[in-house]
Structure formats: structure tokens, C-alpha cells
C-alpha atoms as a PDB file:
ATOM      1  CA  MET A   1     129.323  79.909 133.803  1.00  0.00           C
ATOM      2  CA  ASN A   2     128.978  76.176 134.189  1.00  0.00           C
ATOM      3  CA  ALA A   3     129.049  74.732 137.663  1.00  0.00           C
ATOM      4  CA  PRO A   4     132.489  73.532 138.812  1.00  0.00           C
ATOM      5  CA  THR A   5     132.978  69.776 139.116  1.00  0.00           C
ATOM      6  CA  VAL A   6     134.114  67.949 142.272  1.00  0.00           C
ATOM      7  CA  VAL A   7     136.376  64.968 141.431  1.00  0.00           C
ATOM      8  CA  ALA A   8     138.093  62.398 143.690  1.00  0.00           C
ATOM      9  CA  LEU A   9     141.910  62.578 143.473  1.00  0.00           C
ATOM     10  CA  ASP A  10     142.836  59.297 145.135  1.00  0.00           C
ATOM     11  CA  GLU A  11     141.534  55.731 145.041  1.00  0.00           C
ATOM     12  CA  GLN A  12     140.201  55.895 148.596  1.00  0.00           C
ATOM     13  CA  SER A  13     138.352  59.133 147.729  1.00  0.00           C
ATOM     14  CA  HIS A  14     139.644  61.042 150.752  1.00  0.00           C
ATOM     15  CA  ILE A  15     140.981  63.978 148.733  1.00  0.00           C
ATOM     16  CA  TYR A  16     138.911  65.868 146.189  1.00  0.00           C
ATOM     17  CA  VAL A  17     139.566  68.630 143.693  1.00  0.00           C
ATOM     18  CA  VAL A  18     137.243  71.299 142.298  1.00  0.00           C
ATOM     19  CA  VAL A  19     137.812  71.986 138.597  1.00  0.00           C
ATOM     20  CA  ASP A  20     136.241  74.611 136.345  1.00  0.00           C
ATOM     21  CA  GLU A  21     134.780  74.020 132.866  1.00  0.00           C
ATOM     22  CA  ASN A  22     138.271  74.421 131.344  1.00  0.00           C
ATOM     23  CA  GLY A  23     139.792  71.751 133.595  1.00  0.00           C
ATOM     24  CA  ARG A  24     141.705  74.235 135.765  1.00  0.00           C
ATOM     25  CA  THR A  25     141.986  73.424 139.468  1.00  0.00           C
ATOM     26  CA  ILE A  26     140.104  75.817 141.730  1.00  0.00           C
ATOM     27  CA  GLY A  27     140.872  74.089 145.038  1.00  0.00           C
ATOM     28  CA  THR A  28     141.365  70.813 146.887  1.00  0.00           C
ATOM     29  CA  GLY A  29     140.204  69.321 150.176  1.00  0.00           C
ATOM     30  CA  THR A  30     137.619  67.001 151.634  1.00  0.00           C
ATOM     31  CA  LYS A  31     134.424  66.373 149.704  1.00  0.00           C
ATOM     32  CA  GLU A  32     132.498  68.736 151.972  1.00  0.00           C
ATOM     33  CA  VAL A  33     135.067  71.534 151.566  1.00  0.00           C
ATOM     34  CA  CYS A  34     135.056  71.151 147.780  1.00  0.00           C
ATOM     35  CA  GLU A  35     131.252  71.216 147.650  1.00  0.00           C
ATOM     36  CA  VAL A  36     131.184  74.458 149.644  1.00  0.00           C
ATOM     37  CA  LEU A  37     133.908  75.960 147.445  1.00  0.00           C
ATOM     38  CA  ALA A  38     132.002  75.007 144.288  1.00  0.00           C
ATOM     39  CA  GLU A  39     128.863  76.652 145.710  1.00  0.00           C
ATOM     40  CA  MET A  40     130.819  79.813 146.560  1.00  0.00           C
ATOM     41  CA  VAL A  41     132.166  80.031 143.010  1.00  0.00           C
ATOM     42  CA  ILE A  42     128.729  79.980 141.371  1.00  0.00           C
ATOM     43  CA  ARG A  43     126.921  82.114 143.975  1.00  0.00           C
ATOM     44  CA  PRO A  44     126.679  85.813 143.048  1.00  0.00           C
ATOM     45  CA  PRO A  45     128.601  88.164 145.362  1.00  0.00           C
ATOM     46  CA  VAL A  46     126.684  89.913 148.127  1.00  0.00           C
ATOM     47  CA  PRO A  47     127.560  93.575 148.604  1.00  0.00           C
ATOM     48  CA  ALA A  48     128.824  94.597 152.025  1.00  0.00           C
ATOM     49  CA  PRO A  49     126.592  96.844 154.135  1.00  0.00           C
ATOM     50  CA  ARG A  50     127.452 100.504 153.635  1.00  0.00           C
ATOM     51  CA  ASN A  51     128.561 101.061 157.250  1.00  0.00           C
ATOM     52  CA  ALA A  52     130.835  97.984 157.132  1.00  0.00           C
ATOM     53  CA  LEU A  53     133.022  99.574 154.457  1.00  0.00           C
ATOM     54  CA  ASN A  54     134.496 102.050 156.952  1.00  0.00           C
ATOM     55  CA  GLN A  55     135.288  99.474 159.625  1.00  0.00           C
ATOM     56  CA  VAL A  56     138.651  97.729 159.811  1.00  0.00           C
ATOM     57  CA  VAL A  57     138.490  94.222 161.241  1.00  0.00           C
ATOM     58  CA  ARG A  58     141.545  93.268 163.280  1.00  0.00           C
ATOM     59  CA  PRO A  59     142.275  89.708 164.383  1.00  0.00           C
ATOM     60  CA  TYR A  60     142.530  88.978 168.093  1.00  0.00           C
ATOM     61  CA  ASN A  61     146.172  88.124 167.604  1.00  0.00           C
ATOM     62  CA  GLU A  62     148.201  89.990 164.990  1.00  0.00           C
ATOM     63  CA  ASN A  63     150.382  86.874 164.477  1.00  0.00           C
ATOM     64  CA  ILE A  64     147.505  84.818 163.042  1.00  0.00           C
ATOM     65  CA  ARG A  65     148.130  83.843 159.407  1.00  0.00           C
ATOM     66  CA  SER A  66     145.493  82.872 156.908  1.00  0.00           C
ATOM     67  CA  ALA A  67     145.603  79.660 154.899  1.00  0.00           C
ATOM     68  CA  ILE A  68     144.266  81.695 151.981  1.00  0.00           C
ATOM     69  CA  LYS A  69     146.119  84.836 150.960  1.00  0.00           C
ATOM     70  CA  ILE A  70     143.716  87.786 150.995  1.00  0.00           C
END
């Protein structure tokens, strides 16, 4: 897989987009956020520790919503 590309979306370069090798948008945000996202896409997954698979992580407040649907 080729590395995703980070491209400025506006003339002031405040908003960036991460695109894959086919030109599809992976995500948007600040330059720093897009660089981290691009790194996460190309980095191989790390398996979870065996004992962590049986644990259920609960948020401190059940009403917290994620910006990214899991």
C-alpha cells in the first residue's frame, strides 16, 4: 500500500485532507491530525494483550459520545 497523501483543502491551509492512492478521502482535520491519521493507516496493527480481550472498558460517563463511530 502506498502512503496516504496529506493535501491542503483551503487557500489559507488551515484544513487538510488525507487521501489514499485512489483519491478517496480517508479523513480531514488540521495538518497534525492528518499526519497522525496517515501514520496510523500505514502502521501494521498491534495485537491486544491476551488478558485485555476479556476486559470491558466502560467510560466514566455513559452519556459520552465518540466523534468516530466504533
